[in-house]
Amino acid sequence: MTHPDAPLVANELFVAVLGSGAPAVEMTLSTAGSRIRITAQGLPLIHSHGPGWSILTGLCQRAGLTTDETGLWGQFGGRP
């Protein structure tokens, strides 16, 4: 399954987590039916709503902070 905005969202998630000082960033992609979820995790985040946040919320159906506060995620609701 593909989504045209997935590369941009993955990049924004990666940069946000890397910007927190994480020496490594773990990226995961999960699918459920027509939904796609991209998650980036590293160290506890200092700022979860930086400049890329408007990109994430503009392109994703849902976005947020992981429950352990070490990552960000964005979810597409299906094919555009």
C-alpha atoms as a PDB file:
ATOM      1  CA  MET A   1       0.000   0.000   0.000  1.00  0.00           C
ATOM      2  CA  THR A   2       1.300   3.466  -0.851  1.00  0.00           C
ATOM      3  CA  HIS A   3       0.319   7.040  -0.090  1.00  0.00           C
ATOM      4  CA  PRO A   4       1.785  10.003  -1.999  1.00  0.00           C
ATOM      5  CA  ASP A   5       2.425  11.992   1.204  1.00  0.00           C
ATOM      6  CA  ALA A   6       4.104   9.148   3.118  1.00  0.00           C
ATOM      7  CA  PRO A   7       7.711  10.119   2.225  1.00  0.00           C
ATOM      8  CA  LEU A   8       7.207  13.726   3.379  1.00  0.00           C
ATOM      9  CA  VAL A   9       5.527  12.648   6.614  1.00  0.00           C
ATOM     10  CA  ALA A  10       8.242  10.058   7.305  1.00  0.00           C
ATOM     11  CA  ASN A  11      10.902  12.740   6.781  1.00  0.00           C
ATOM     12  CA  GLU A  12       9.191  15.200   9.151  1.00  0.00           C
ATOM     13  CA  LEU A  13       8.834  12.522  11.843  1.00  0.00           C
ATOM     14  CA  PHE A  14      12.481  11.488  11.439  1.00  0.00           C
ATOM     15  CA  VAL A  15      13.782  15.071  11.631  1.00  0.00           C
ATOM     16  CA  ALA A  16      11.661  15.859  14.701  1.00  0.00           C
ATOM     17  CA  VAL A  17      12.933  12.836  16.622  1.00  0.00           C
ATOM     18  CA  LEU A  18      16.530  13.316  15.450  1.00  0.00           C
ATOM     19  CA  GLY A  19      16.288  16.955  16.555  1.00  0.00           C
ATOM     20  CA  SER A  20      15.602  15.768  20.100  1.00  0.00           C
ATOM     21  CA  GLY A  21      19.206  14.535  20.262  1.00  0.00           C
ATOM     22  CA  ALA A  22      18.532  10.856  19.638  1.00  0.00           C
ATOM     23  CA  PRO A  23      21.680   9.072  18.420  1.00  0.00           C
ATOM     24  CA  ALA A  24      19.443   6.744  16.384  1.00  0.00           C
ATOM     25  CA  VAL A  25      15.882   6.912  15.122  1.00  0.00           C
ATOM     26  CA  GLU A  26      13.707   3.831  14.679  1.00  0.00           C
ATOM     27  CA  MET A  27      11.103   4.147  11.917  1.00  0.00           C
ATOM     28  CA  THR A  28       8.159   1.761  11.645  1.00  0.00           C
ATOM     29  CA  LEU A  29       5.388   1.440   9.099  1.00  0.00           C
ATOM     30  CA  SER A  30       2.217  -0.435   9.922  1.00  0.00           C
ATOM     31  CA  THR A  31      -0.942  -1.045   7.953  1.00  0.00           C
ATOM     32  CA  ALA A  32      -4.451  -2.108   8.852  1.00  0.00           C
ATOM     33  CA  GLY A  33      -6.855  -2.299   5.956  1.00  0.00           C
ATOM     34  CA  SER A  34      -6.627   1.027   4.146  1.00  0.00           C
ATOM     35  CA  ARG A  35      -4.846   2.777   7.045  1.00  0.00           C
ATOM     36  CA  ILE A  36      -1.115   3.502   7.058  1.00  0.00           C
ATOM     37  CA  ARG A  37       0.721   4.521  10.225  1.00  0.00           C
ATOM     38  CA  ILE A  38       4.310   5.800  10.288  1.00  0.00           C
ATOM     39  CA  THR A  39       6.120   6.091  13.634  1.00  0.00           C
ATOM     40  CA  ALA A  40       9.559   7.502  14.500  1.00  0.00           C
ATOM     41  CA  GLN A  41      11.074   6.843  17.938  1.00  0.00           C
ATOM     42  CA  GLY A  42      14.276   7.840  19.732  1.00  0.00           C
ATOM     43  CA  LEU A  43      14.878   9.696  23.004  1.00  0.00           C
ATOM     44  CA  PRO A  44      12.185  11.463  25.030  1.00  0.00           C
ATOM     45  CA  LEU A  45      11.077  14.418  22.939  1.00  0.00           C
ATOM     46  CA  ILE A  46      11.753  17.969  24.040  1.00  0.00           C
ATOM     47  CA  HIS A  47       9.340  19.577  21.571  1.00  0.00           C
ATOM     48  CA  SER A  48       6.599  17.525  19.954  1.00  0.00           C
ATOM     49  CA  HIS A  49       4.918  20.414  18.174  1.00  0.00           C
ATOM     50  CA  GLY A  50       7.736  22.119  16.251  1.00  0.00           C
ATOM     51  CA  PRO A  51       7.644  23.524  12.722  1.00  0.00           C
ATOM     52  CA  GLY A  52       6.916  20.156  11.104  1.00  0.00           C
ATOM     53  CA  TRP A  53       3.778  19.688  13.195  1.00  0.00           C
ATOM     54  CA  SER A  54       1.646  21.742  10.787  1.00  0.00           C
ATOM     55  CA  ILE A  55       2.859  19.536   7.922  1.00  0.00           C
ATOM     56  CA  LEU A  56       1.944  16.370   9.837  1.00  0.00           C
ATOM     57  CA  THR A  57      -1.492  17.561  10.855  1.00  0.00           C
ATOM     58  CA  GLY A  58      -2.144  18.939   7.377  1.00  0.00           C
ATOM     59  CA  LEU A  59      -1.278  15.691   5.596  1.00  0.00           C
ATOM     60  CA  CYS A  60      -2.333  13.043   8.129  1.00  0.00           C
ATOM     61  CA  GLN A  61      -5.796  12.119   9.286  1.00  0.00           C
ATOM     62  CA  ARG A  62      -4.387  11.723  12.810  1.00  0.00           C
ATOM     63  CA  ALA A  63      -1.005  12.458  14.436  1.00  0.00           C
ATOM     64  CA  GLY A  64       0.356  12.393  17.948  1.00  0.00           C
ATOM     65  CA  LEU A  65       2.990  11.581  20.507  1.00  0.00           C
ATOM     66  CA  THR A  66       3.655   7.942  21.459  1.00  0.00           C
ATOM     67  CA  THR A  67       2.476   6.936  24.936  1.00  0.00           C
ATOM     68  CA  ASP A  68       6.061   6.697  26.227  1.00  0.00           C
ATOM     69  CA  GLU A  69       6.802  10.189  24.817  1.00  0.00           C
ATOM     70  CA  THR A  70       9.807   8.942  22.827  1.00  0.00           C
ATOM     71  CA  GLY A  71       8.249   9.216  19.388  1.00  0.00           C
ATOM     72  CA  LEU A  72       5.787  10.798  17.017  1.00  0.00           C
ATOM     73  CA  TRP A  73       3.342   9.123  14.672  1.00  0.00           C
ATOM     74  CA  GLY A  74       1.149  10.056  11.738  1.00  0.00           C
ATOM     75  CA  GLN A  75      -1.726   8.056  10.286  1.00  0.00           C
ATOM     76  CA  PHE A  76      -3.353   8.215   6.861  1.00  0.00           C
ATOM     77  CA  GLY A  77      -6.985   7.126   6.747  1.00  0.00           C
ATOM     78  CA  GLY A  78      -6.807   5.488   3.350  1.00  0.00           C
ATOM     79  CA  ARG A  79      -5.985   6.197  -0.222  1.00  0.00           C
ATOM     80  CA  PRO A  80      -6.377   9.821  -1.275  1.00  0.00           C
END
